[in-house]
Amino acid sequence: MALRRDRLEVIERGGWLMPGIHRRLLRSLQAESFHRSGHWSQVLDVVGKILDRQVLPHPRPSAI
């Protein structure tokens, strides 16, 4: 959790996010449905096509 918050703060300070938006983004990335979406076959297929290789989901991804 602290790592995510720290990364988002660095991104915000760099001007890549509007001030305050990182808290809302962090909450959305913590949602169980967001984490489950990384295992959907449709998502894996699209990412695999973009990368031109097979994609395997990691059981504990770092979202941000």
C-alpha atoms as a PDB file:
ATOM      1  CA  MET A   1       0.000   0.000   0.000  1.00  0.00           C
ATOM      2  CA  ALA A   2       2.753   2.460   0.919  1.00  0.00           C
ATOM      3  CA  LEU A   3       4.644   1.671  -2.270  1.00  0.00           C
ATOM      4  CA  ARG A   4       1.584   2.391  -4.404  1.00  0.00           C
ATOM      5  CA  ARG A   5       0.917   5.636  -2.575  1.00  0.00           C
ATOM      6  CA  ASP A   6       4.547   6.710  -2.913  1.00  0.00           C
ATOM      7  CA  ARG A   7       4.610   5.976  -6.639  1.00  0.00           C
ATOM      8  CA  LEU A   8       1.380   7.864  -7.203  1.00  0.00           C
ATOM      9  CA  GLU A   9       2.714  10.848  -5.269  1.00  0.00           C
ATOM     10  CA  VAL A  10       5.851  10.896  -7.435  1.00  0.00           C
ATOM     11  CA  ILE A  11       3.698  10.702 -10.557  1.00  0.00           C
ATOM     12  CA  GLU A  12       1.509  13.537  -9.266  1.00  0.00           C
ATOM     13  CA  ARG A  13       4.511  15.729  -8.385  1.00  0.00           C
ATOM     14  CA  GLY A  14       5.884  15.113 -11.878  1.00  0.00           C
ATOM     15  CA  GLY A  15       2.729  16.673 -13.300  1.00  0.00           C
ATOM     16  CA  TRP A  16       1.346  13.446 -14.762  1.00  0.00           C
ATOM     17  CA  LEU A  17      -1.796  13.493 -12.595  1.00  0.00           C
ATOM     18  CA  MET A  18      -4.004  16.304 -11.390  1.00  0.00           C
ATOM     19  CA  PRO A  19      -3.558  17.026  -7.656  1.00  0.00           C
ATOM     20  CA  GLY A  20      -5.770  14.803  -5.498  1.00  0.00           C
ATOM     21  CA  ILE A  21      -6.666  12.334  -8.238  1.00  0.00           C
ATOM     22  CA  HIS A  22      -4.145   9.763  -6.986  1.00  0.00           C
ATOM     23  CA  ARG A  23      -6.281   8.956  -3.938  1.00  0.00           C
ATOM     24  CA  ARG A  24      -9.292   8.121  -6.100  1.00  0.00           C
ATOM     25  CA  LEU A  25      -7.114   6.130  -8.491  1.00  0.00           C
ATOM     26  CA  LEU A  26      -5.539   4.223  -5.603  1.00  0.00           C
ATOM     27  CA  ARG A  27      -8.963   3.293  -4.208  1.00  0.00           C
ATOM     28  CA  SER A  28     -10.123   2.049  -7.600  1.00  0.00           C
ATOM     29  CA  LEU A  29      -6.971  -0.047  -8.046  1.00  0.00           C
ATOM     30  CA  GLN A  30      -7.595  -1.728  -4.691  1.00  0.00           C
ATOM     31  CA  ALA A  31     -10.992  -3.040  -5.787  1.00  0.00           C
ATOM     32  CA  GLU A  32     -11.178  -6.828  -6.015  1.00  0.00           C
ATOM     33  CA  SER A  33     -12.894  -6.580  -9.409  1.00  0.00           C
ATOM     34  CA  PHE A  34      -9.885  -4.671 -10.765  1.00  0.00           C
ATOM     35  CA  HIS A  35      -7.537  -7.437  -9.646  1.00  0.00           C
ATOM     36  CA  ARG A  36      -9.786 -10.173 -11.061  1.00  0.00           C
ATOM     37  CA  SER A  37      -9.866  -8.430 -14.434  1.00  0.00           C
ATOM     38  CA  GLY A  38      -6.175  -9.243 -14.940  1.00  0.00           C
ATOM     39  CA  HIS A  39      -7.122 -12.924 -15.158  1.00  0.00           C
ATOM     40  CA  TRP A  40      -9.904 -12.583 -17.736  1.00  0.00           C
ATOM     41  CA  SER A  41      -9.091 -14.488 -20.898  1.00  0.00           C
ATOM     42  CA  GLN A  42     -10.190 -11.513 -23.015  1.00  0.00           C
ATOM     43  CA  VAL A  43      -7.703  -9.214 -21.268  1.00  0.00           C
ATOM     44  CA  LEU A  44      -4.904 -11.771 -21.530  1.00  0.00           C
ATOM     45  CA  ASP A  45      -5.652 -12.259 -25.241  1.00  0.00           C
ATOM     46  CA  VAL A  46      -5.557  -8.528 -26.032  1.00  0.00           C
ATOM     47  CA  VAL A  47      -2.359  -7.928 -24.051  1.00  0.00           C
ATOM     48  CA  GLY A  48      -0.811 -11.001 -25.650  1.00  0.00           C
ATOM     49  CA  LYS A  49      -1.609  -9.638 -29.115  1.00  0.00           C
ATOM     50  CA  ILE A  50      -0.128  -6.258 -28.235  1.00  0.00           C
ATOM     51  CA  LEU A  51       3.060  -7.853 -26.901  1.00  0.00           C
ATOM     52  CA  ASP A  52       3.072 -10.585 -29.554  1.00  0.00           C
ATOM     53  CA  ARG A  53       3.618 -13.305 -26.936  1.00  0.00           C
ATOM     54  CA  GLN A  54       1.751 -15.376 -24.389  1.00  0.00           C
ATOM     55  CA  VAL A  55       0.797 -13.501 -21.237  1.00  0.00           C
ATOM     56  CA  LEU A  56       0.435 -15.142 -17.844  1.00  0.00           C
ATOM     57  CA  PRO A  57      -1.212 -13.278 -14.955  1.00  0.00           C
ATOM     58  CA  HIS A  58       0.791 -12.807 -11.800  1.00  0.00           C
ATOM     59  CA  PRO A  59      -1.078 -13.835  -8.646  1.00  0.00           C
ATOM     60  CA  ARG A  60      -0.049 -10.646  -6.792  1.00  0.00           C
ATOM     61  CA  PRO A  61       0.408  -7.842  -9.318  1.00  0.00           C
ATOM     62  CA  SER A  62       1.544  -4.369  -8.441  1.00  0.00           C
ATOM     63  CA  ALA A  63      -1.235  -2.223 -10.036  1.00  0.00           C
ATOM     64  CA  ILE A  64       0.519   1.134  -9.893  1.00  0.00           C
END
